[in-house]
N, C-alpha and C. Protein backbone atom coordinates (compact mmCIF):
# COMPACT_ATOMS: atom_id res chain seq x y z
N MET A 1 77.26 120.44 96.72
CA MET A 1 77.86 120.22 98.02
C MET A 1 78.50 118.83 98.04
N PRO A 2 79.73 118.73 98.49
CA PRO A 2 80.40 117.43 98.47
C PRO A 2 79.82 116.47 99.51
N LEU A 3 79.99 115.19 99.26
CA LEU A 3 79.63 114.17 100.23
C LEU A 3 80.79 114.06 101.22
N THR A 4 80.49 114.07 102.50
CA THR A 4 81.53 113.99 103.51
C THR A 4 81.17 112.95 104.56
N GLY A 5 82.20 112.46 105.24
CA GLY A 5 81.96 111.49 106.29
C GLY A 5 83.21 111.24 107.11
N HIS A 6 83.07 110.33 108.07
CA HIS A 6 84.18 110.00 108.95
C HIS A 6 83.94 108.66 109.63
N CYS A 7 85.01 108.14 110.22
CA CYS A 7 84.94 106.90 110.97
C CYS A 7 84.35 107.18 112.36
N LEU A 8 84.23 106.15 113.17
CA LEU A 8 83.66 106.28 114.51
C LEU A 8 84.46 107.23 115.39
N CYS A 9 85.79 107.13 115.36
CA CYS A 9 86.63 107.97 116.23
C CYS A 9 87.00 109.31 115.59
N LYS A 10 86.62 109.53 114.35
CA LYS A 10 86.86 110.75 113.58
C LYS A 10 88.32 110.97 113.20
N ALA A 11 89.15 109.92 113.35
CA ALA A 11 90.55 110.03 112.91
C ALA A 11 90.63 110.03 111.39
N VAL A 12 89.70 109.33 110.73
CA VAL A 12 89.62 109.29 109.27
C VAL A 12 88.43 110.12 108.82
N THR A 13 88.70 111.04 107.91
CA THR A 13 87.64 111.84 107.30
C THR A 13 87.77 111.72 105.79
N TYR A 14 86.68 111.97 105.10
CA TYR A 14 86.75 111.94 103.64
C TYR A 14 85.76 112.93 103.05
N SER A 15 86.02 113.26 101.80
CA SER A 15 85.15 114.14 101.03
C SER A 15 85.13 113.65 99.60
N VAL A 16 83.95 113.67 99.00
CA VAL A 16 83.79 113.28 97.60
C VAL A 16 83.20 114.47 96.87
N ASP A 17 83.87 114.92 95.83
CA ASP A 17 83.44 116.10 95.09
C ASP A 17 82.33 115.75 94.10
N VAL A 18 81.21 115.26 94.63
CA VAL A 18 79.99 115.00 93.86
C VAL A 18 78.80 115.35 94.75
N ASP A 19 77.65 115.58 94.14
CA ASP A 19 76.46 115.91 94.91
C ASP A 19 75.73 114.70 95.47
N GLU A 20 75.86 113.58 94.77
CA GLU A 20 75.21 112.35 95.24
C GLU A 20 75.93 111.13 94.66
N PRO A 21 75.78 109.99 95.31
CA PRO A 21 76.42 108.78 94.79
C PRO A 21 75.84 108.37 93.44
N ALA A 22 76.64 107.68 92.64
CA ALA A 22 76.15 107.14 91.37
C ALA A 22 75.12 106.05 91.63
N VAL A 23 75.36 105.25 92.67
CA VAL A 23 74.46 104.16 93.07
C VAL A 23 74.52 104.05 94.59
N THR A 24 73.37 103.81 95.20
CA THR A 24 73.32 103.48 96.62
C THR A 24 72.67 102.10 96.71
N ALA A 25 73.38 101.16 97.32
CA ALA A 25 72.95 99.76 97.25
C ALA A 25 73.16 99.01 98.56
N TYR A 26 72.39 97.95 98.70
CA TYR A 26 72.64 96.96 99.74
C TYR A 26 73.54 95.91 99.11
N ASP A 27 74.70 95.69 99.69
CA ASP A 27 75.64 94.67 99.21
C ASP A 27 75.53 93.46 100.13
N HIS A 28 74.99 92.38 99.59
CA HIS A 28 74.73 91.17 100.36
C HIS A 28 75.88 90.16 100.31
N CYS A 29 77.02 90.51 99.72
CA CYS A 29 78.09 89.52 99.60
C CYS A 29 78.57 89.08 100.98
N ASP A 30 79.10 87.89 101.06
CA ASP A 30 79.55 87.32 102.32
C ASP A 30 80.60 88.20 102.99
N ASP A 31 81.51 88.76 102.20
CA ASP A 31 82.55 89.62 102.78
C ASP A 31 81.94 90.85 103.44
N CYS A 32 80.96 91.47 102.80
CA CYS A 32 80.32 92.65 103.39
C CYS A 32 79.52 92.27 104.65
N GLN A 33 78.91 91.10 104.64
CA GLN A 33 78.21 90.65 105.85
C GLN A 33 79.20 90.52 107.01
N ARG A 34 80.36 89.94 106.72
CA ARG A 34 81.37 89.77 107.77
C ARG A 34 81.95 91.11 108.21
N GLN A 35 82.22 91.99 107.26
CA GLN A 35 82.82 93.28 107.61
C GLN A 35 81.84 94.15 108.40
N SER A 36 80.56 94.09 108.03
CA SER A 36 79.58 94.94 108.71
C SER A 36 79.02 94.28 109.96
N GLY A 37 79.13 92.96 110.06
CA GLY A 37 78.52 92.26 111.18
C GLY A 37 77.01 92.26 111.08
N SER A 38 76.49 92.39 109.87
CA SER A 38 75.05 92.50 109.65
C SER A 38 74.64 91.72 108.40
N THR A 39 73.39 91.88 107.99
CA THR A 39 72.89 91.13 106.85
C THR A 39 73.39 91.65 105.51
N TYR A 40 73.79 92.91 105.47
CA TYR A 40 74.35 93.51 104.25
C TYR A 40 75.10 94.77 104.63
N SER A 41 75.79 95.34 103.68
CA SER A 41 76.47 96.61 103.88
C SER A 41 75.83 97.64 102.95
N LEU A 42 75.45 98.77 103.50
CA LEU A 42 74.92 99.87 102.69
C LEU A 42 76.10 100.58 102.05
N VAL A 43 76.18 100.56 100.73
CA VAL A 43 77.30 101.16 100.03
C VAL A 43 76.83 102.28 99.09
N ALA A 44 77.71 103.24 98.92
CA ALA A 44 77.47 104.37 98.01
C ALA A 44 78.63 104.40 97.03
N VAL A 45 78.33 104.12 95.78
CA VAL A 45 79.36 104.06 94.75
C VAL A 45 79.62 105.46 94.22
N VAL A 46 80.91 105.84 94.23
CA VAL A 46 81.32 107.18 93.78
C VAL A 46 82.55 107.05 92.88
N PRO A 47 82.84 108.08 92.07
CA PRO A 47 84.06 108.06 91.26
C PRO A 47 85.29 108.16 92.17
N LYS A 48 86.23 107.24 92.00
CA LYS A 48 87.41 107.21 92.86
C LYS A 48 88.24 108.48 92.73
N ASP A 49 88.29 109.06 91.53
CA ASP A 49 89.11 110.25 91.34
C ASP A 49 88.51 111.50 91.99
N LYS A 50 87.30 111.42 92.52
CA LYS A 50 86.65 112.55 93.21
C LYS A 50 86.76 112.43 94.72
N LEU A 51 87.37 111.34 95.21
CA LEU A 51 87.45 111.05 96.65
C LEU A 51 88.79 111.50 97.25
N THR A 52 88.72 112.17 98.38
CA THR A 52 89.91 112.51 99.17
C THR A 52 89.72 111.93 100.57
N ILE A 53 90.65 111.08 101.00
CA ILE A 53 90.61 110.49 102.34
C ILE A 53 91.80 111.02 103.13
N LYS A 54 91.53 111.41 104.37
CA LYS A 54 92.60 111.87 105.28
C LYS A 54 92.53 111.05 106.55
N GLY A 55 93.70 110.68 107.05
CA GLY A 55 93.76 109.96 108.32
C GLY A 55 94.40 108.60 108.16
N PRO A 56 94.48 107.87 109.27
CA PRO A 56 95.20 106.59 109.30
C PRO A 56 94.39 105.42 108.75
N ILE A 57 94.59 105.15 107.47
CA ILE A 57 93.87 104.06 106.80
C ILE A 57 94.74 102.81 106.75
N LYS A 58 94.10 101.68 107.00
CA LYS A 58 94.72 100.38 106.75
C LYS A 58 93.88 99.71 105.68
N SER A 59 94.44 98.69 105.07
CA SER A 59 93.75 98.00 103.99
C SER A 59 93.95 96.51 104.12
N TYR A 60 92.89 95.79 103.78
CA TYR A 60 92.95 94.33 103.67
C TYR A 60 92.51 93.98 102.26
N ALA A 61 93.29 93.19 101.54
CA ALA A 61 92.95 92.81 100.17
C ALA A 61 92.55 91.35 100.12
N GLY A 62 91.36 91.11 99.62
CA GLY A 62 90.88 89.76 99.36
C GLY A 62 90.64 89.63 97.87
N THR A 63 90.36 88.43 97.43
CA THR A 63 90.11 88.19 96.01
C THR A 63 88.61 88.22 95.76
N GLY A 64 88.20 89.05 94.81
CA GLY A 64 86.79 89.15 94.44
C GLY A 64 86.39 88.08 93.44
N SER A 65 85.13 88.06 93.07
CA SER A 65 84.62 87.06 92.13
C SER A 65 85.25 87.19 90.75
N SER A 66 85.81 88.37 90.45
CA SER A 66 86.47 88.59 89.16
C SER A 66 87.84 87.93 89.12
N GLY A 67 88.33 87.51 90.28
CA GLY A 67 89.69 86.99 90.38
C GLY A 67 90.69 88.09 90.71
N LYS A 68 90.22 89.34 90.71
CA LYS A 68 91.07 90.48 91.04
C LYS A 68 90.86 90.86 92.51
N LYS A 69 91.77 91.63 93.03
CA LYS A 69 91.72 92.03 94.44
C LYS A 69 90.61 93.05 94.70
N VAL A 70 90.06 92.95 95.90
CA VAL A 70 89.16 93.96 96.44
C VAL A 70 89.83 94.45 97.72
N HIS A 71 90.17 95.74 97.73
CA HIS A 71 90.83 96.34 98.88
C HIS A 71 89.77 96.91 99.81
N ARG A 72 89.76 96.46 101.04
CA ARG A 72 88.81 96.95 102.04
C ARG A 72 89.55 97.92 102.95
N LEU A 73 89.13 99.18 102.92
CA LEU A 73 89.79 100.25 103.66
C LEU A 73 89.08 100.46 104.99
N PHE A 74 89.87 100.63 106.06
CA PHE A 74 89.29 100.86 107.36
C PHE A 74 90.20 101.75 108.19
N CYS A 75 89.64 102.37 109.22
CA CYS A 75 90.42 103.22 110.12
C CYS A 75 91.34 102.34 110.95
N SER A 76 92.62 102.68 110.99
CA SER A 76 93.56 101.88 111.78
C SER A 76 93.42 102.13 113.27
N GLU A 77 92.69 103.17 113.66
CA GLU A 77 92.49 103.47 115.08
C GLU A 77 91.28 102.76 115.67
N CYS A 78 90.12 102.93 115.05
CA CYS A 78 88.88 102.36 115.61
C CYS A 78 88.36 101.16 114.84
N GLY A 79 88.92 100.89 113.67
CA GLY A 79 88.51 99.72 112.88
C GLY A 79 87.28 99.92 112.02
N SER A 80 86.70 101.12 112.01
CA SER A 80 85.51 101.36 111.19
C SER A 80 85.79 101.10 109.72
N PRO A 81 84.94 100.32 109.05
CA PRO A 81 85.09 100.16 107.61
C PRO A 81 84.75 101.47 106.91
N ILE A 82 85.56 101.84 105.92
CA ILE A 82 85.35 103.10 105.19
C ILE A 82 84.90 102.83 103.76
N ALA A 83 85.51 101.86 103.09
CA ALA A 83 85.20 101.63 101.67
C ALA A 83 85.72 100.28 101.23
N HIS A 84 85.19 99.83 100.09
CA HIS A 84 85.87 98.75 99.39
C HIS A 84 86.15 99.21 97.96
N ASP A 85 87.35 98.85 97.52
CA ASP A 85 87.94 99.37 96.29
C ASP A 85 88.30 98.19 95.38
N PRO A 86 87.42 97.86 94.43
CA PRO A 86 87.65 96.70 93.58
C PRO A 86 88.58 97.00 92.39
N GLU A 87 89.63 96.20 92.26
CA GLU A 87 90.53 96.36 91.12
C GLU A 87 89.81 96.08 89.80
N ALA A 88 88.74 95.31 89.82
CA ALA A 88 87.98 94.99 88.61
C ALA A 88 87.24 96.22 88.06
N ALA A 89 87.04 97.22 88.89
CA ALA A 89 86.37 98.46 88.46
C ALA A 89 87.16 99.64 89.00
N PRO A 90 88.32 99.93 88.41
CA PRO A 90 89.25 100.91 88.97
C PRO A 90 88.73 102.35 89.00
N GLU A 91 87.68 102.65 88.28
CA GLU A 91 87.18 104.02 88.24
C GLU A 91 86.24 104.35 89.40
N ILE A 92 85.80 103.32 90.16
CA ILE A 92 84.84 103.57 91.24
C ILE A 92 85.38 103.06 92.57
N ILE A 93 84.74 103.53 93.63
CA ILE A 93 84.98 103.01 94.97
C ILE A 93 83.64 103.00 95.69
N ALA A 94 83.41 102.01 96.53
CA ALA A 94 82.15 101.88 97.26
C ALA A 94 82.37 102.29 98.71
N LEU A 95 81.89 103.47 99.06
CA LEU A 95 81.98 103.95 100.43
C LEU A 95 80.95 103.25 101.30
N LYS A 96 81.29 103.00 102.53
CA LYS A 96 80.33 102.47 103.50
C LYS A 96 79.44 103.64 103.90
N ALA A 97 78.21 103.62 103.44
CA ALA A 97 77.33 104.78 103.54
C ALA A 97 76.97 105.15 104.98
N GLY A 98 77.12 104.24 105.92
CA GLY A 98 76.89 104.57 107.31
C GLY A 98 77.91 105.53 107.87
N THR A 99 79.01 105.75 107.15
CA THR A 99 80.04 106.69 107.60
C THR A 99 79.81 108.12 107.10
N PHE A 100 78.79 108.32 106.25
CA PHE A 100 78.47 109.68 105.81
C PHE A 100 78.01 110.52 107.00
N GLU A 101 78.13 111.84 106.84
CA GLU A 101 77.58 112.75 107.84
C GLU A 101 76.07 112.47 107.97
N ARG A 102 75.54 112.70 109.15
CA ARG A 102 74.15 112.34 109.47
C ARG A 102 73.13 112.86 108.45
N GLU A 103 73.21 114.13 108.08
CA GLU A 103 72.22 114.70 107.15
C GLU A 103 72.34 114.08 105.76
N ILE A 104 73.53 113.70 105.36
CA ILE A 104 73.71 113.07 104.05
C ILE A 104 73.09 111.69 104.04
N LYS A 105 73.42 110.88 105.05
CA LYS A 105 72.90 109.50 105.04
C LYS A 105 71.39 109.45 105.25
N LYS A 106 70.82 110.43 105.94
CA LYS A 106 69.37 110.47 106.11
C LYS A 106 68.65 110.65 104.77
N ASN A 107 69.33 111.26 103.79
CA ASN A 107 68.69 111.54 102.51
C ASN A 107 69.04 110.54 101.40
N LEU A 108 69.77 109.49 101.73
CA LEU A 108 70.08 108.47 100.73
C LEU A 108 68.82 107.73 100.33
N LYS A 109 68.81 107.27 99.08
CA LYS A 109 67.66 106.53 98.57
C LYS A 109 68.15 105.24 97.90
N PRO A 110 68.47 104.23 98.70
CA PRO A 110 68.93 102.97 98.10
C PRO A 110 67.84 102.38 97.20
N ASP A 111 68.26 101.93 96.01
CA ASP A 111 67.29 101.32 95.10
C ASP A 111 67.86 100.06 94.44
N THR A 112 69.05 99.64 94.89
CA THR A 112 69.74 98.53 94.24
C THR A 112 70.23 97.54 95.30
N GLU A 113 70.15 96.26 94.95
CA GLU A 113 70.74 95.22 95.77
C GLU A 113 71.70 94.43 94.89
N ILE A 114 72.91 94.18 95.43
CA ILE A 114 73.87 93.35 94.70
C ILE A 114 74.22 92.13 95.54
N TRP A 115 74.68 91.11 94.86
CA TRP A 115 75.03 89.84 95.48
C TRP A 115 73.85 89.21 96.21
N THR A 116 72.68 89.28 95.57
CA THR A 116 71.51 88.65 96.20
C THR A 116 71.66 87.13 96.28
N ALA A 117 72.62 86.57 95.55
CA ALA A 117 72.90 85.13 95.67
C ALA A 117 73.33 84.79 97.10
N SER A 118 73.88 85.76 97.82
CA SER A 118 74.32 85.56 99.21
C SER A 118 73.36 86.17 100.22
N LYS A 119 72.23 86.68 99.74
CA LYS A 119 71.26 87.33 100.62
C LYS A 119 70.75 86.32 101.65
N LEU A 120 70.76 86.71 102.90
CA LEU A 120 70.29 85.81 103.94
C LEU A 120 68.78 85.65 103.85
N PRO A 121 68.27 84.44 104.05
CA PRO A 121 66.86 84.16 103.79
C PRO A 121 65.88 84.97 104.65
N PHE A 122 66.30 85.44 105.81
CA PHE A 122 65.40 86.21 106.66
C PHE A 122 65.40 87.70 106.34
N CYS A 123 66.28 88.15 105.45
CA CYS A 123 66.33 89.56 105.06
C CYS A 123 65.14 89.85 104.15
N GLN A 124 64.26 90.71 104.58
CA GLN A 124 63.02 90.98 103.86
C GLN A 124 63.10 92.19 102.92
N GLU A 125 64.26 92.84 102.85
CA GLU A 125 64.42 93.98 101.96
C GLU A 125 64.29 93.52 100.51
N ASN A 126 63.57 94.28 99.71
CA ASN A 126 63.43 94.01 98.28
C ASN A 126 63.42 95.33 97.54
N LEU A 127 64.57 95.71 97.01
CA LEU A 127 64.69 96.97 96.29
C LEU A 127 64.41 96.77 94.81
N PRO A 128 64.08 97.84 94.08
CA PRO A 128 63.66 97.72 92.68
C PRO A 128 64.69 97.08 91.73
N HIS A 129 65.97 97.32 91.98
CA HIS A 129 67.01 96.79 91.08
C HIS A 129 67.83 95.77 91.86
N ALA A 130 67.68 94.50 91.51
CA ALA A 130 68.38 93.43 92.23
C ALA A 130 69.24 92.64 91.25
N PHE A 131 70.46 92.35 91.68
CA PHE A 131 71.41 91.61 90.85
C PHE A 131 71.95 90.42 91.65
N LYS A 132 71.91 89.25 91.03
CA LYS A 132 72.37 88.03 91.68
C LYS A 132 73.84 88.15 92.09
N HIS A 133 74.63 88.80 91.25
CA HIS A 133 76.04 89.03 91.53
C HIS A 133 76.30 90.52 91.33
N MET A 134 77.39 90.87 90.66
CA MET A 134 77.68 92.27 90.35
C MET A 134 76.99 92.65 89.05
N PRO A 135 76.44 93.86 88.97
CA PRO A 135 75.87 94.28 87.68
C PRO A 135 76.98 94.49 86.66
N GLU A 136 76.68 94.25 85.42
CA GLU A 136 77.68 94.42 84.34
C GLU A 136 77.78 95.88 83.94
């Protein structure tokens, strides 16, 4: 069964032709904190070539730690973040897992934390696989 989701206003929908994400992680990077307005962003890494997005998407490109662009995709209508797409890893895309359909996100099992170098000191989450920056 594909992974599906949508933005807050449902103008943007997506489907990923996989049964589950390759990785489900808490992303503690400063950009994700700002985009989510929270201590981290729950992301689900999937193969980019399996993703289909429909609807009015806008993109903001910032420079990642690799020196390459990271494209942050969001709904142009409601502003919901949908994904971040790093040029440094062109085969994957990190969907904002809070945008998955309710039953899908209820069954996610995050086990990885990335960018713990930016983890806020009051965040008490400690997952089994933690990386100071991006995993190699």
